[in-house]
Amino acid sequence: MAVLKVIEVLANSEKSWEDAAQKAVAHAGKSVKNIKSVYINEQSAHVTDNKITDYRVNVKITFEVN
């Protein structure tokens, strides 16, 4: 039987929500091994002068505990 754990990570990107999610997984992967999935819990963006300047995601990352 596998034991799974979930952590919540906030990340941002100037490019896109997808890039922000990739950054969240990459950063979590530096200290967490066996990442199995990512769930996009929330998306938001910062707007300046009627343009999106920063994409933000709140993700839940699931990984297997050894």
N, C-alpha and C. Protein backbone atom coordinates (compact mmCIF):
# COMPACT_ATOMS: atom_id res chain seq x y z
N MET A 1 0.84 -1.18 0.00
CA MET A 1 0.00 0.00 0.00
C MET A 1 0.89 1.25 0.00
N ALA A 2 0.58 2.17 -0.85
CA ALA A 2 1.34 3.42 -0.94
C ALA A 2 0.74 4.47 -0.01
N VAL A 3 1.62 5.25 0.59
CA VAL A 3 1.19 6.38 1.42
C VAL A 3 1.49 7.65 0.64
N LEU A 4 0.47 8.49 0.47
CA LEU A 4 0.61 9.73 -0.28
C LEU A 4 0.44 10.92 0.64
N LYS A 5 1.15 11.99 0.34
CA LYS A 5 1.06 13.22 1.11
C LYS A 5 0.80 14.36 0.14
N VAL A 6 0.09 15.38 0.61
CA VAL A 6 -0.24 16.54 -0.23
C VAL A 6 0.31 17.80 0.44
N ILE A 7 0.99 18.62 -0.36
CA ILE A 7 1.46 19.92 0.12
C ILE A 7 0.84 21.00 -0.77
N GLU A 8 0.72 22.18 -0.23
CA GLU A 8 0.17 23.30 -0.99
C GLU A 8 1.31 24.27 -1.29
N VAL A 9 1.40 24.69 -2.55
CA VAL A 9 2.48 25.56 -3.00
C VAL A 9 1.90 26.73 -3.78
N LEU A 10 2.43 27.91 -3.54
CA LEU A 10 2.06 29.10 -4.30
C LEU A 10 3.21 29.45 -5.22
N ALA A 11 2.91 29.80 -6.47
CA ALA A 11 3.97 30.16 -7.43
C ALA A 11 3.44 31.23 -8.38
N ASN A 12 4.37 31.93 -9.02
CA ASN A 12 3.97 32.95 -9.99
C ASN A 12 4.88 32.93 -11.20
N SER A 13 4.41 33.57 -12.27
CA SER A 13 5.16 33.64 -13.52
C SER A 13 4.72 34.88 -14.28
N GLU A 14 5.63 35.45 -15.04
CA GLU A 14 5.28 36.57 -15.91
C GLU A 14 4.72 36.08 -17.25
N LYS A 15 4.86 34.76 -17.54
CA LYS A 15 4.43 34.19 -18.83
C LYS A 15 2.99 33.70 -18.84
N SER A 16 2.68 32.74 -17.92
CA SER A 16 1.37 32.08 -17.97
C SER A 16 1.10 31.32 -16.69
N TRP A 17 -0.17 30.88 -16.56
CA TRP A 17 -0.51 30.04 -15.41
C TRP A 17 0.19 28.69 -15.53
N GLU A 18 0.30 28.17 -16.74
CA GLU A 18 0.99 26.89 -16.94
C GLU A 18 2.45 26.99 -16.50
N ASP A 19 3.11 28.07 -16.85
CA ASP A 19 4.50 28.26 -16.45
C ASP A 19 4.60 28.38 -14.92
N ALA A 20 3.65 29.05 -14.30
CA ALA A 20 3.65 29.16 -12.84
C ALA A 20 3.49 27.77 -12.20
N ALA A 21 2.63 26.93 -12.77
CA ALA A 21 2.46 25.56 -12.25
C ALA A 21 3.74 24.75 -12.43
N GLN A 22 4.39 24.90 -13.57
CA GLN A 22 5.67 24.21 -13.82
C GLN A 22 6.71 24.63 -12.79
N LYS A 23 6.75 25.92 -12.49
CA LYS A 23 7.71 26.43 -11.51
C LYS A 23 7.41 25.87 -10.12
N ALA A 24 6.14 25.73 -9.77
CA ALA A 24 5.76 25.17 -8.48
C ALA A 24 6.25 23.73 -8.35
N VAL A 25 6.03 22.94 -9.38
CA VAL A 25 6.46 21.53 -9.36
C VAL A 25 7.98 21.44 -9.33
N ALA A 26 8.66 22.25 -10.13
CA ALA A 26 10.12 22.22 -10.18
C ALA A 26 10.72 22.61 -8.83
N HIS A 27 10.16 23.62 -8.20
CA HIS A 27 10.68 24.07 -6.90
C HIS A 27 10.41 23.02 -5.82
N ALA A 28 9.21 22.46 -5.81
CA ALA A 28 8.89 21.42 -4.82
C ALA A 28 9.77 20.19 -5.04
N GLY A 29 10.08 19.89 -6.30
CA GLY A 29 10.90 18.73 -6.63
C GLY A 29 12.32 18.81 -6.11
N LYS A 30 12.77 19.99 -5.70
CA LYS A 30 14.11 20.12 -5.13
C LYS A 30 14.21 19.48 -3.75
N SER A 31 13.07 19.43 -3.03
CA SER A 31 13.11 18.85 -1.68
C SER A 31 12.15 17.67 -1.50
N VAL A 32 11.25 17.48 -2.44
CA VAL A 32 10.27 16.39 -2.35
C VAL A 32 10.49 15.43 -3.52
N LYS A 33 10.55 14.16 -3.23
CA LYS A 33 10.74 13.14 -4.28
C LYS A 33 9.42 12.42 -4.53
N ASN A 34 9.35 11.72 -5.64
CA ASN A 34 8.19 10.88 -6.00
C ASN A 34 6.90 11.68 -6.19
N ILE A 35 6.99 12.85 -6.83
CA ILE A 35 5.79 13.63 -7.11
C ILE A 35 4.94 12.86 -8.11
N LYS A 36 3.66 12.70 -7.77
CA LYS A 36 2.74 11.91 -8.60
C LYS A 36 1.74 12.76 -9.37
N SER A 37 1.31 13.89 -8.78
CA SER A 37 0.31 14.71 -9.47
C SER A 37 0.30 16.13 -8.91
N VAL A 38 -0.33 17.01 -9.69
CA VAL A 38 -0.50 18.40 -9.26
C VAL A 38 -1.95 18.80 -9.56
N TYR A 39 -2.57 19.45 -8.61
CA TYR A 39 -3.94 19.92 -8.75
C TYR A 39 -3.93 21.44 -8.67
N ILE A 40 -4.42 22.09 -9.71
CA ILE A 40 -4.49 23.56 -9.71
C ILE A 40 -5.70 23.95 -8.87
N ASN A 41 -5.42 24.45 -7.69
CA ASN A 41 -6.48 24.79 -6.74
C ASN A 41 -7.08 26.16 -7.04
N GLU A 42 -6.24 27.11 -7.44
CA GLU A 42 -6.70 28.48 -7.65
C GLU A 42 -5.76 29.19 -8.62
N GLN A 43 -6.32 30.07 -9.43
CA GLN A 43 -5.54 30.90 -10.35
C GLN A 43 -5.92 32.35 -10.13
N SER A 44 -4.93 33.23 -10.23
CA SER A 44 -5.21 34.66 -10.16
C SER A 44 -4.14 35.39 -10.96
N ALA A 45 -4.34 36.67 -11.16
CA ALA A 45 -3.37 37.45 -11.92
C ALA A 45 -3.31 38.87 -11.37
N HIS A 46 -2.14 39.46 -11.49
CA HIS A 46 -1.95 40.86 -11.10
C HIS A 46 -2.03 41.69 -12.37
N VAL A 47 -2.77 42.78 -12.32
CA VAL A 47 -2.98 43.63 -13.50
C VAL A 47 -2.40 45.02 -13.26
N THR A 48 -1.65 45.51 -14.25
CA THR A 48 -1.11 46.87 -14.22
C THR A 48 -1.41 47.52 -15.57
N ASP A 49 -1.99 48.71 -15.55
CA ASP A 49 -2.33 49.44 -16.78
C ASP A 49 -3.12 48.57 -17.76
N ASN A 50 -4.12 47.88 -17.26
CA ASN A 50 -5.02 47.04 -18.05
C ASN A 50 -4.33 45.86 -18.73
N LYS A 51 -3.18 45.43 -18.22
CA LYS A 51 -2.48 44.28 -18.77
C LYS A 51 -2.09 43.35 -17.63
N ILE A 52 -2.18 42.06 -17.89
CA ILE A 52 -1.75 41.08 -16.89
C ILE A 52 -0.23 41.10 -16.83
N THR A 53 0.30 41.31 -15.64
CA THR A 53 1.75 41.39 -15.47
C THR A 53 2.31 40.21 -14.68
N ASP A 54 1.44 39.47 -14.00
CA ASP A 54 1.92 38.36 -13.18
C ASP A 54 0.81 37.33 -13.01
N TYR A 55 1.08 36.08 -13.40
CA TYR A 55 0.14 34.99 -13.24
C TYR A 55 0.48 34.23 -11.96
N ARG A 56 -0.54 33.90 -11.17
CA ARG A 56 -0.31 33.22 -9.90
C ARG A 56 -1.17 31.97 -9.80
N VAL A 57 -0.58 30.92 -9.22
CA VAL A 57 -1.33 29.69 -8.99
C VAL A 57 -1.13 29.21 -7.56
N ASN A 58 -2.14 28.57 -7.06
CA ASN A 58 -2.10 27.88 -5.79
C ASN A 58 -2.33 26.42 -6.16
N VAL A 59 -1.32 25.58 -5.96
CA VAL A 59 -1.42 24.19 -6.38
C VAL A 59 -1.27 23.24 -5.21
N LYS A 60 -1.87 22.07 -5.35
CA LYS A 60 -1.69 20.99 -4.39
C LYS A 60 -0.87 19.91 -5.08
N ILE A 61 0.26 19.58 -4.50
CA ILE A 61 1.18 18.61 -5.08
C ILE A 61 1.12 17.33 -4.24
N THR A 62 0.87 16.21 -4.92
CA THR A 62 0.78 14.92 -4.25
C THR A 62 2.04 14.12 -4.53
N PHE A 63 2.62 13.55 -3.47
CA PHE A 63 3.81 12.73 -3.64
C PHE A 63 3.73 11.50 -2.75
N GLU A 64 4.46 10.47 -3.16
CA GLU A 64 4.47 9.20 -2.43
C GLU A 64 5.55 9.25 -1.35
N VAL A 65 5.18 8.84 -0.15
CA VAL A 65 6.11 8.79 0.97
C VAL A 65 6.70 7.39 1.04
N ASN A 66 8.02 7.31 1.15
CA ASN A 66 8.67 5.99 1.24
C ASN A 66 8.68 5.49 2.65
